[in-house]
């Protein structure tokens, strides 16, 4: 499980750096969290596709994102599903084929 958290001290540091725009800090952070969650979901699906040689569409569909808001600075990627059936996997030949022997 990969987990990123924003604590109150981090929020206060961001607000201090923003100065007069500190009221917008929660909105900016929530947008960054949502973008990170979306990117992480794509990366997870791509790594699964590379590792298990299955199509990534099924993985992305099974992963839902609970988005962050200015009031709740937390984005959650939740994956739930059953094990993959053999018919959902694809055969990916990597590399060049071996030459056939001639007789």
PDB file of N, CA and C in Angstrom:
ATOM      1  N   UNK A   1       0.845  -1.178   0.000  1.00  0.00           N
ATOM      2  CA  UNK A   1       0.000   0.000   0.000  1.00  0.00           C
ATOM      3  C   UNK A   1       0.888   1.238   0.000  1.00  0.00           C
ATOM      4  N   UNK A   2       0.568   2.161  -0.859  1.00  0.00           N
ATOM      5  CA  UNK A   2       1.296   3.425  -0.934  1.00  0.00           C
ATOM      6  C   UNK A   2       0.406   4.494  -0.337  1.00  0.00           C
ATOM      7  N   UNK A   3       0.947   5.267   0.560  1.00  0.00           N
ATOM      8  CA  UNK A   3       0.131   6.268   1.243  1.00  0.00           C
ATOM      9  C   UNK A   3       0.889   7.586   1.322  1.00  0.00           C
ATOM     10  N   UNK A   4       0.216   8.655   0.932  1.00  0.00           N
ATOM     11  CA  UNK A   4       0.753  10.006   1.071  1.00  0.00           C
ATOM     12  C   UNK A   4      -0.181  10.764   1.992  1.00  0.00           C
ATOM     13  N   UNK A   5       0.376  11.485   2.932  1.00  0.00           N
ATOM     14  CA  UNK A   5      -0.456  12.246   3.855  1.00  0.00           C
ATOM     15  C   UNK A   5       0.048  13.676   3.941  1.00  0.00           C
ATOM     16  N   UNK A   6      -0.883  14.577   4.143  1.00  0.00           N
ATOM     17  CA  UNK A   6      -0.552  15.982   4.370  1.00  0.00           C
ATOM     18  C   UNK A   6      -0.926  16.283   5.810  1.00  0.00           C
ATOM     19  N   UNK A   7       0.050  16.648   6.611  1.00  0.00           N
ATOM     20  CA  UNK A   7      -0.268  16.953   7.999  1.00  0.00           C
ATOM     21  C   UNK A   7      -0.439  18.465   8.177  1.00  0.00           C
ATOM     22  N   UNK A   8      -0.885  18.853   9.336  1.00  0.00           N
ATOM     23  CA  UNK A   8      -1.166  20.264   9.617  1.00  0.00           C
ATOM     24  C   UNK A   8       0.080  21.133   9.495  1.00  0.00           C
ATOM     25  N   UNK A   9       1.223  20.610   9.897  1.00  0.00           N
ATOM     26  CA  UNK A   9       2.458  21.392   9.819  1.00  0.00           C
ATOM     27  C   UNK A   9       2.811  21.692   8.360  1.00  0.00           C
ATOM     28  N   UNK A  10       2.645  20.699   7.481  1.00  0.00           N
ATOM     29  CA  UNK A  10       2.909  20.925   6.059  1.00  0.00           C
ATOM     30  C   UNK A  10       1.969  21.985   5.501  1.00  0.00           C
ATOM     31  N   UNK A  11       0.705  21.909   5.885  1.00  0.00           N
ATOM     32  CA  UNK A  11      -0.276  22.879   5.421  1.00  0.00           C
ATOM     33  C   UNK A  11       0.093  24.282   5.882  1.00  0.00           C
ATOM     34  N   UNK A  12       0.516  24.412   7.121  1.00  0.00           N
ATOM     35  CA  UNK A  12       0.912  25.723   7.640  1.00  0.00           C
ATOM     36  C   UNK A  12       2.143  26.256   6.912  1.00  0.00           C
ATOM     37  N   UNK A  13       3.088  25.383   6.571  1.00  0.00           N
ATOM     38  CA  UNK A  13       4.270  25.814   5.828  1.00  0.00           C
ATOM     39  C   UNK A  13       3.894  26.319   4.440  1.00  0.00           C
ATOM     40  N   UNK A  14       2.994  25.609   3.779  1.00  0.00           N
ATOM     41  CA  UNK A  14       2.544  26.038   2.451  1.00  0.00           C
ATOM     42  C   UNK A  14       1.820  27.370   2.555  1.00  0.00           C
ATOM     43  N   UNK A  15       0.962  27.509   3.554  1.00  0.00           N
ATOM     44  CA  UNK A  15       0.236  28.764   3.732  1.00  0.00           C
ATOM     45  C   UNK A  15       1.201  29.916   3.994  1.00  0.00           C
ATOM     46  N   UNK A  16       2.239  29.688   4.787  1.00  0.00           N
ATOM     47  CA  UNK A  16       3.219  30.741   5.072  1.00  0.00           C
ATOM     48  C   UNK A  16       3.958  31.151   3.804  1.00  0.00           C
ATOM     49  N   UNK A  17       4.283  30.191   2.955  1.00  0.00           N
ATOM     50  CA  UNK A  17       4.986  30.502   1.714  1.00  0.00           C
ATOM     51  C   UNK A  17       4.087  31.224   0.717  1.00  0.00           C
ATOM     52  N   UNK A  18       2.797  30.965   0.767  1.00  0.00           N
ATOM     53  CA  UNK A  18       1.877  31.633  -0.151  1.00  0.00           C
ATOM     54  C   UNK A  18       1.569  33.063   0.276  1.00  0.00           C
ATOM     55  N   UNK A  19       1.808  33.378   1.511  1.00  0.00           N
ATOM     56  CA  UNK A  19       1.599  34.747   1.985  1.00  0.00           C
ATOM     57  C   UNK A  19       0.142  35.159   1.925  1.00  0.00           C
ATOM     58  N   UNK A  20      -0.158  36.192   1.131  1.00  0.00           N
ATOM     59  CA  UNK A  20      -1.511  36.745   1.054  1.00  0.00           C
ATOM     60  C   UNK A  20      -2.506  35.761   0.442  1.00  0.00           C
ATOM     61  N   UNK A  21      -2.019  34.798  -0.297  1.00  0.00           N
ATOM     62  CA  UNK A  21      -2.921  33.834  -0.936  1.00  0.00           C
ATOM     63  C   UNK A  21      -3.072  32.560  -0.111  1.00  0.00           C
ATOM     64  N   UNK A  22      -2.795  32.625   1.187  1.00  0.00           N
ATOM     65  CA  UNK A  22      -2.809  31.412   2.007  1.00  0.00           C
ATOM     66  C   UNK A  22      -4.187  30.773   2.106  1.00  0.00           C
ATOM     67  N   UNK A  23      -5.236  31.537   1.881  1.00  0.00           N
ATOM     68  CA  UNK A  23      -6.583  30.963   1.930  1.00  0.00           C
ATOM     69  C   UNK A  23      -6.793  29.954   0.805  1.00  0.00           C
ATOM     70  N   UNK A  24      -6.016  30.063  -0.254  1.00  0.00           N
ATOM     71  CA  UNK A  24      -6.164  29.150  -1.389  1.00  0.00           C
ATOM     72  C   UNK A  24      -5.330  27.883  -1.234  1.00  0.00           C
ATOM     73  N   UNK A  25      -4.533  27.782  -0.191  1.00  0.00           N
ATOM     74  CA  UNK A  25      -3.653  26.625  -0.004  1.00  0.00           C
ATOM     75  C   UNK A  25      -4.410  25.294   0.000  1.00  0.00           C
ATOM     76  N   UNK A  26      -5.500  25.148   0.738  1.00  0.00           N
ATOM     77  CA  UNK A  26      -6.208  23.856   0.715  1.00  0.00           C
ATOM     78  C   UNK A  26      -6.712  23.480  -0.682  1.00  0.00           C
ATOM     79  N   UNK A  27      -7.162  24.461  -1.449  1.00  0.00           N
ATOM     80  CA  UNK A  27      -7.640  24.183  -2.804  1.00  0.00           C
ATOM     81  C   UNK A  27      -6.493  23.727  -3.692  1.00  0.00           C
ATOM     82  N   UNK A  28      -5.368  24.421  -3.594  1.00  0.00           N
ATOM     83  CA  UNK A  28      -4.196  24.066  -4.399  1.00  0.00           C
ATOM     84  C   UNK A  28      -3.707  22.667  -4.035  1.00  0.00           C
ATOM     85  N   UNK A  29      -3.648  22.365  -2.763  1.00  0.00           N
ATOM     86  CA  UNK A  29      -3.180  21.050  -2.313  1.00  0.00           C
ATOM     87  C   UNK A  29      -4.152  19.955  -2.747  1.00  0.00           C
ATOM     88  N   UNK A  30      -5.455  20.202  -2.648  1.00  0.00           N
ATOM     89  CA  UNK A  30      -6.426  19.177  -3.053  1.00  0.00           C
ATOM     90  C   UNK A  30      -6.322  18.891  -4.548  1.00  0.00           C
ATOM     91  N   UNK A  31      -6.095  19.925  -5.356  1.00  0.00           N
ATOM     92  CA  UNK A  31      -5.931  19.707  -6.799  1.00  0.00           C
ATOM     93  C   UNK A  31      -4.669  18.902  -7.086  1.00  0.00           C
ATOM     94  N   UNK A  32      -3.602  19.198  -6.359  1.00  0.00           N
ATOM     95  CA  UNK A  32      -2.354  18.447  -6.542  1.00  0.00           C
ATOM     96  C   UNK A  32      -2.537  16.986  -6.133  1.00  0.00           C
ATOM     97  N   UNK A  33      -3.251  16.749  -5.046  1.00  0.00           N
ATOM     98  CA  UNK A  33      -3.516  15.378  -4.599  1.00  0.00           C
ATOM     99  C   UNK A  33      -4.336  14.609  -5.635  1.00  0.00           C
ATOM    100  N   UNK A  34      -5.349  15.263  -6.193  1.00  0.00           N
ATOM    101  CA  UNK A  34      -6.195  14.603  -7.187  1.00  0.00           C
ATOM    102  C   UNK A  34      -5.406  14.266  -8.447  1.00  0.00           C
ATOM    103  N   UNK A  35      -4.557  15.174  -8.876  1.00  0.00           N
ATOM    104  CA  UNK A  35      -3.725  14.921 -10.053  1.00  0.00           C
ATOM    105  C   UNK A  35      -2.752  13.772  -9.775  1.00  0.00           C
ATOM    106  N   UNK A  36      -2.177  13.760  -8.585  1.00  0.00           N
ATOM    107  CA  UNK A  36      -1.257  12.688  -8.202  1.00  0.00           C
ATOM    108  C   UNK A  36      -1.979  11.342  -8.160  1.00  0.00           C
ATOM    109  N   UNK A  37      -3.188  11.316  -7.628  1.00  0.00           N
ATOM    110  CA  UNK A  37      -3.956  10.066  -7.553  1.00  0.00           C
ATOM    111  C   UNK A  37      -4.285   9.543  -8.949  1.00  0.00           C
ATOM    112  N   UNK A  38      -4.660  10.439  -9.853  1.00  0.00           N
ATOM    113  CA  UNK A  38      -4.979  10.030 -11.218  1.00  0.00           C
ATOM    114  C   UNK A  38      -3.746   9.467 -11.913  1.00  0.00           C
ATOM    115  N   UNK A  39      -2.628  10.148 -11.756  1.00  0.00           N
ATOM    116  CA  UNK A  39      -1.379   9.686 -12.357  1.00  0.00           C
ATOM    117  C   UNK A  39      -0.942   8.354 -11.748  1.00  0.00           C
ATOM    118  N   UNK A  40      -1.101   8.203 -10.447  1.00  0.00           N
ATOM    119  CA  UNK A  40      -0.718   6.959  -9.774  1.00  0.00           C
ATOM    120  C   UNK A  40      -1.572   5.796 -10.263  1.00  0.00           C
ATOM    121  N   UNK A  41      -2.855   6.033 -10.499  1.00  0.00           N
ATOM    122  CA  UNK A  41      -3.733   4.965 -10.987  1.00  0.00           C
ATOM    123  C   UNK A  41      -3.280   4.487 -12.369  1.00  0.00           C
ATOM    124  N   UNK A  42      -2.915   5.422 -13.237  1.00  0.00           N
ATOM    125  CA  UNK A  42      -2.431   5.059 -14.568  1.00  0.00           C
ATOM    126  C   UNK A  42      -1.110   4.297 -14.462  1.00  0.00           C
ATOM    127  N   UNK A  43      -0.213   4.779 -13.600  1.00  0.00           N
ATOM    128  CA  UNK A  43       1.076   4.104 -13.412  1.00  0.00           C
ATOM    129  C   UNK A  43       0.888   2.685 -12.875  1.00  0.00           C
ATOM    130  N   UNK A  44      -0.018   2.518 -11.923  1.00  0.00           N
ATOM    131  CA  UNK A  44      -0.288   1.182 -11.376  1.00  0.00           C
ATOM    132  C   UNK A  44      -0.815   0.242 -12.455  1.00  0.00           C
ATOM    133  N   UNK A  45      -1.719   0.732 -13.289  1.00  0.00           N
ATOM    134  CA  UNK A  45      -2.275  -0.095 -14.357  1.00  0.00           C
ATOM    135  C   UNK A  45      -1.200  -0.460 -15.374  1.00  0.00           C
ATOM    136  N   UNK A  46      -0.334   0.494 -15.698  1.00  0.00           N
ATOM    137  CA  UNK A  46       0.737   0.216 -16.660  1.00  0.00           C
ATOM    138  C   UNK A  46       1.733  -0.797 -16.109  1.00  0.00           C
ATOM    139  N   UNK A  47       2.068  -0.684 -14.829  1.00  0.00           N
ATOM    140  CA  UNK A  47       2.995  -1.649 -14.227  1.00  0.00           C
ATOM    141  C   UNK A  47       2.363  -3.033 -14.164  1.00  0.00           C
ATOM    142  N   UNK A  48       1.089  -3.094 -13.868  1.00  0.00           N
ATOM    143  CA  UNK A  48       0.401  -4.386 -13.841  1.00  0.00           C
ATOM    144  C   UNK A  48       0.385  -4.994 -15.234  1.00  0.00           C
ATOM    145  N   UNK A  49       0.163  -4.163 -16.238  1.00  0.00           N
ATOM    146  CA  UNK A  49       0.146  -4.662 -17.610  1.00  0.00           C
ATOM    147  C   UNK A  49       1.522  -5.196 -18.001  1.00  0.00           C
ATOM    148  N   UNK A  50       2.567  -4.499 -17.612  1.00  0.00           N
ATOM    149  CA  UNK A  50       3.917  -4.950 -17.945  1.00  0.00           C
ATOM    150  C   UNK A  50       4.285  -6.223 -17.187  1.00  0.00           C
ATOM    151  N   UNK A  51       3.834  -6.332 -15.955  1.00  0.00           N
ATOM    152  CA  UNK A  51       4.185  -7.483 -15.128  1.00  0.00           C
ATOM    153  C   UNK A  51       3.370  -8.719 -15.485  1.00  0.00           C
ATOM    154  N   UNK A  52       2.081  -8.563 -15.648  1.00  0.00           N
ATOM    155  CA  UNK A  52       1.194  -9.708 -15.809  1.00  0.00           C
ATOM    156  C   UNK A  52       0.718  -9.932 -17.231  1.00  0.00           C
ATOM    157  N   UNK A  53       1.139  -9.125 -18.168  1.00  0.00           N
ATOM    158  CA  UNK A  53       0.734  -9.202 -19.572  1.00  0.00           C
ATOM    159  C   UNK A  53      -0.781  -9.313 -19.719  1.00  0.00           C
ATOM    160  N   UNK A  54      -1.468  -8.386 -19.109  1.00  0.00           N
ATOM    161  CA  UNK A  54      -2.910  -8.262 -19.267  1.00  0.00           C
ATOM    162  C   UNK A  54      -3.211  -6.844 -19.711  1.00  0.00           C
ATOM    163  N   UNK A  55      -4.392  -6.644 -20.228  1.00  0.00           N
ATOM    164  CA  UNK A  55      -4.772  -5.312 -20.677  1.00  0.00           C
ATOM    165  C   UNK A  55      -5.003  -4.410 -19.475  1.00  0.00           C
ATOM    166  N   UNK A  56      -4.565  -3.151 -19.580  1.00  0.00           N
ATOM    167  CA  UNK A  56      -4.651  -2.244 -18.436  1.00  0.00           C
ATOM    168  C   UNK A  56      -6.055  -1.685 -18.234  1.00  0.00           C
ATOM    169  N   UNK A  57      -6.921  -1.777 -19.237  1.00  0.00           N
ATOM    170  CA  UNK A  57      -8.270  -1.237 -19.102  1.00  0.00           C
ATOM    171  C   UNK A  57      -9.036  -1.843 -17.946  1.00  0.00           C
ATOM    172  N   UNK A  58      -8.908  -3.131 -17.750  1.00  0.00           N
ATOM    173  CA  UNK A  58      -9.592  -3.792 -16.646  1.00  0.00           C
ATOM    174  C   UNK A  58      -9.078  -3.343 -15.296  1.00  0.00           C
ATOM    175  N   UNK A  59      -7.780  -3.099 -15.218  1.00  0.00           N
ATOM    176  CA  UNK A  59      -7.206  -2.632 -13.958  1.00  0.00           C
ATOM    177  C   UNK A  59      -7.706  -1.236 -13.625  1.00  0.00           C
ATOM    178  N   UNK A  60      -7.691  -0.350 -14.610  1.00  0.00           N
ATOM    179  CA  UNK A  60      -8.119   1.025 -14.350  1.00  0.00           C
ATOM    180  C   UNK A  60      -9.595   1.067 -13.965  1.00  0.00           C
ATOM    181  N   UNK A  61     -10.387   0.204 -14.584  1.00  0.00           N
ATOM    182  CA  UNK A  61     -11.814   0.176 -14.278  1.00  0.00           C
ATOM    183  C   UNK A  61     -12.062  -0.284 -12.845  1.00  0.00           C
ATOM    184  N   UNK A  62     -11.232  -1.199 -12.349  1.00  0.00           N
ATOM    185  CA  UNK A  62     -11.410  -1.734 -11.004  1.00  0.00           C
ATOM    186  C   UNK A  62     -10.855  -0.828  -9.914  1.00  0.00           C
ATOM    187  N   UNK A  63     -10.125   0.213 -10.294  1.00  0.00           N
ATOM    188  CA  UNK A  63      -9.563   1.149  -9.314  1.00  0.00           C
ATOM    189  C   UNK A  63     -10.378   2.438  -9.323  1.00  0.00           C
ATOM    190  N   UNK A  64     -10.962   2.764  -8.193  1.00  0.00           N
ATOM    191  CA  UNK A  64     -11.728   4.003  -8.086  1.00  0.00           C
ATOM    192  C   UNK A  64     -10.942   5.007  -7.252  1.00  0.00           C
ATOM    193  N   UNK A  65     -11.150   6.277  -7.562  1.00  0.00           N
ATOM    194  CA  UNK A  65     -10.459   7.341  -6.847  1.00  0.00           C
ATOM    195  C   UNK A  65     -11.483   8.134  -6.052  1.00  0.00           C
ATOM    196  N   UNK A  66     -11.246   8.243  -4.762  1.00  0.00           N
ATOM    197  CA  UNK A  66     -12.033   9.135  -3.919  1.00  0.00           C
ATOM    198  C   UNK A  66     -11.225  10.424  -3.837  1.00  0.00           C
ATOM    199  N   UNK A  67     -11.736  11.463  -4.472  1.00  0.00           N
ATOM    200  CA  UNK A  67     -10.964  12.687  -4.641  1.00  0.00           C
ATOM    201  C   UNK A  67     -10.884  13.518  -3.370  1.00  0.00           C
ATOM    202  N   UNK A  68      -9.815  14.298  -3.303  1.00  0.00           N
ATOM    203  CA  UNK A  68      -9.614  15.222  -2.189  1.00  0.00           C
ATOM    204  C   UNK A  68     -10.439  16.481  -2.425  1.00  0.00           C
ATOM    205  N   UNK A  69     -10.723  17.174  -1.353  1.00  0.00           N
ATOM    206  CA  UNK A  69     -11.387  18.476  -1.439  1.00  0.00           C
ATOM    207  C   UNK A  69     -10.626  19.434  -0.534  1.00  0.00           C
ATOM    208  N   UNK A  70     -10.993  20.698  -0.588  1.00  0.00           N
ATOM    209  CA  UNK A  70     -10.316  21.687   0.253  1.00  0.00           C
ATOM    210  C   UNK A  70     -10.535  21.375   1.733  1.00  0.00           C
ATOM    211  N   UNK A  71     -11.669  20.787   2.068  1.00  0.00           N
ATOM    212  CA  UNK A  71     -11.962  20.447   3.456  1.00  0.00           C
ATOM    213  C   UNK A  71     -11.427  19.096   3.889  1.00  0.00           C
ATOM    214  N   UNK A  72     -11.157  18.236   2.921  1.00  0.00           N
ATOM    215  CA  UNK A  72     -10.653  16.888   3.219  1.00  0.00           C
ATOM    216  C   UNK A  72      -9.447  16.638   2.324  1.00  0.00           C
ATOM    217  N   UNK A  73      -8.272  16.885   2.851  1.00  0.00           N
ATOM    218  CA  UNK A  73      -7.042  16.783   2.066  1.00  0.00           C
ATOM    219  C   UNK A  73      -6.539  15.343   2.051  1.00  0.00           C
ATOM    220  N   UNK A  74      -7.290  14.510   1.355  1.00  0.00           N
ATOM    221  CA  UNK A  74      -6.946  13.098   1.251  1.00  0.00           C
ATOM    222  C   UNK A  74      -7.536  12.555  -0.044  1.00  0.00           C
ATOM    223  N   UNK A  75      -6.711  11.923  -0.853  1.00  0.00           N
ATOM    224  CA  UNK A  75      -7.174  11.238  -2.053  1.00  0.00           C
ATOM    225  C   UNK A  75      -6.880   9.755  -1.863  1.00  0.00           C
ATOM    226  N   UNK A  76      -7.849   8.915  -2.207  1.00  0.00           N
ATOM    227  CA  UNK A  76      -7.719   7.477  -1.976  1.00  0.00           C
ATOM    228  C   UNK A  76      -7.954   6.738  -3.288  1.00  0.00           C
ATOM    229  N   UNK A  77      -7.029   5.839  -3.620  1.00  0.00           N
ATOM    230  CA  UNK A  77      -7.225   4.933  -4.747  1.00  0.00           C
ATOM    231  C   UNK A  77      -7.617   3.592  -4.151  1.00  0.00           C
ATOM    232  N   UNK A  78      -8.808   3.132  -4.504  1.00  0.00           N
ATOM    233  CA  UNK A  78      -9.318   1.878  -3.949  1.00  0.00           C
ATOM    234  C   UNK A  78      -9.453   0.874  -5.087  1.00  0.00           C
ATOM    235  N   UNK A  79      -8.878  -0.279  -4.891  1.00  0.00           N
ATOM    236  CA  UNK A  79      -8.964  -1.333  -5.890  1.00  0.00           C
ATOM    237  C   UNK A  79      -9.663  -2.529  -5.274  1.00  0.00           C
ATOM    238  N   UNK A  80     -10.661  -2.998  -5.972  1.00  0.00           N
ATOM    239  CA  UNK A  80     -11.411  -4.144  -5.477  1.00  0.00           C
ATOM    240  C   UNK A  80     -11.824  -4.987  -6.664  1.00  0.00           C
ATOM    241  N   UNK A  81     -11.725  -6.241  -6.515  1.00  0.00           N
ATOM    242  CA  UNK A  81     -12.146  -7.122  -7.593  1.00  0.00           C
ATOM    243  C   UNK A  81     -11.705  -8.541  -7.315  1.00  0.00           C
ATOM    244  N   UNK A  82     -12.099  -9.405  -8.198  1.00  0.00           N
ATOM    245  CA  UNK A  82     -11.738 -10.807  -8.053  1.00  0.00           C
ATOM    246  C   UNK A  82     -10.496 -11.087  -8.895  1.00  0.00           C
ATOM    247  N   UNK A  83      -9.866 -12.218  -8.690  1.00  0.00           N
ATOM    248  CA  UNK A  83      -8.692 -12.564  -9.498  1.00  0.00           C
ATOM    249  C   UNK A  83      -9.047 -12.608 -10.984  1.00  0.00           C
ATOM    250  N   UNK A  84      -8.070 -12.311 -11.801  1.00  0.00           N
ATOM    251  CA  UNK A  84      -8.294 -12.289 -13.242  1.00  0.00           C
ATOM    252  C   UNK A  84      -8.516 -13.686 -13.791  1.00  0.00           C
ATOM    253  N   UNK A  85      -9.448 -13.783 -14.735  1.00  0.00           N
ATOM    254  CA  UNK A  85      -9.659 -15.033 -15.443  1.00  0.00           C
ATOM    255  C   UNK A  85      -8.559 -15.189 -16.483  1.00  0.00           C
ATOM    256  N   UNK A  86      -8.332 -16.391 -16.888  1.00  0.00           N
ATOM    257  CA  UNK A  86      -7.287 -16.641 -17.877  1.00  0.00           C
ATOM    258  C   UNK A  86      -7.634 -15.994 -19.216  1.00  0.00           C
ATOM    259  N   UNK A  87      -8.915 -15.841 -19.524  1.00  0.00           N
ATOM    260  CA  UNK A  87      -9.287 -15.244 -20.807  1.00  0.00           C
ATOM    261  C   UNK A  87      -9.066 -13.734 -20.846  1.00  0.00           C
ATOM    262  N   UNK A  88      -8.819 -13.093 -19.703  1.00  0.00           N
ATOM    263  CA  UNK A  88      -8.525 -11.660 -19.694  1.00  0.00           C
ATOM    264  C   UNK A  88      -7.054 -11.377 -19.942  1.00  0.00           C
ATOM    265  N   UNK A  89      -6.237 -12.402 -19.876  1.00  0.00           N
ATOM    266  CA  UNK A  89      -4.809 -12.186 -20.105  1.00  0.00           C
ATOM    267  C   UNK A  89      -4.516 -12.323 -21.593  1.00  0.00           C
ATOM    268  N   UNK A  90      -3.467 -11.657 -22.020  1.00  0.00           N
ATOM    269  CA  UNK A  90      -3.083 -11.708 -23.420  1.00  0.00           C
ATOM    270  C   UNK A  90      -1.679 -12.251 -23.525  1.00  0.00           C
ATOM    271  N   UNK A  91      -1.386 -12.795 -24.656  1.00  0.00           N
ATOM    272  CA  UNK A  91      -0.038 -13.299 -24.893  1.00  0.00           C
ATOM    273  C   UNK A  91       0.765 -12.207 -25.570  1.00  0.00           C
ATOM    274  N   UNK A  92       1.843 -11.813 -24.952  1.00  0.00           N
ATOM    275  CA  UNK A  92       2.704 -10.798 -25.545  1.00  0.00           C
ATOM    276  C   UNK A  92       4.064 -11.420 -25.764  1.00  0.00           C
ATOM    277  N   UNK A  93       4.418 -11.562 -27.016  1.00  0.00           N
ATOM    278  CA  UNK A  93       5.723 -12.117 -27.324  1.00  0.00           C
ATOM    279  C   UNK A  93       6.731 -10.986 -27.314  1.00  0.00           C
ATOM    280  N   UNK A  94       7.714 -11.087 -26.492  1.00  0.00           N
ATOM    281  CA  UNK A  94       8.736 -10.051 -26.396  1.00  0.00           C
ATOM    282  C   UNK A  94       9.995 -10.544 -27.108  1.00  0.00           C
ATOM    283  N   UNK A  95      10.539  -9.707 -27.953  1.00  0.00           N
ATOM    284  CA  UNK A  95      11.757 -10.074 -28.659  1.00  0.00           C
ATOM    285  C   UNK A  95      11.442 -10.629 -30.033  1.00  0.00           C
ATOM    286  N   UNK A  96      12.467 -10.971 -30.760  1.00  0.00           N
ATOM    287  CA  UNK A  96      12.262 -11.488 -32.111  1.00  0.00           C
ATOM    288  C   UNK A  96      12.048 -12.994 -32.061  1.00  0.00           C
ATOM    289  N   UNK A  97      11.242 -13.505 -32.977  1.00  0.00           N
ATOM    290  CA  UNK A  97      10.993 -14.947 -32.977  1.00  0.00           C
ATOM    291  C   UNK A  97      12.238 -15.706 -33.428  1.00  0.00           C
ATOM    292  N   UNK A  98      12.351 -16.925 -32.934  1.00  0.00           N
ATOM    293  CA  UNK A  98      13.481 -17.767 -33.317  1.00  0.00           C
ATOM    294  C   UNK A  98      13.264 -18.240 -34.755  1.00  0.00           C
ATOM    295  N   UNK A  99      14.335 -18.317 -35.549  1.00  0.00           N
ATOM    296  CA  UNK A  99      14.163 -18.804 -36.927  1.00  0.00           C
ATOM    297  C   UNK A  99      13.765 -20.277 -36.924  1.00  0.00           C
ATOM    298  N   UNK A 100      12.897 -20.616 -37.846  1.00  0.00           N
ATOM    299  CA  UNK A 100      12.451 -22.001 -37.962  1.00  0.00           C
ATOM    300  C   UNK A 100      13.527 -22.827 -38.666  1.00  0.00           C
ATOM    301  N   UNK A 101      13.723 -24.033 -38.196  1.00  0.00           N
ATOM    302  CA  UNK A 101      14.717 -24.879 -38.880  1.00  0.00           C
ATOM    303  C   UNK A 101      14.204 -25.292 -40.260  1.00  0.00           C
ATOM    304  N   UNK A 102      15.089 -25.297 -41.217  1.00  0.00           N
ATOM    305  CA  UNK A 102      14.708 -25.724 -42.564  1.00  0.00           C
ATOM    306  C   UNK A 102      15.177 -27.152 -42.780  1.00  0.00           C
ATOM    307  N   UNK A 103      14.374 -27.919 -43.497  1.00  0.00           N
ATOM    308  CA  UNK A 103      14.764 -29.311 -43.722  1.00  0.00           C
ATOM    309  C   UNK A 103      15.136 -29.554 -45.152  1.00  0.00           C
TER     310      UNK A 103
END
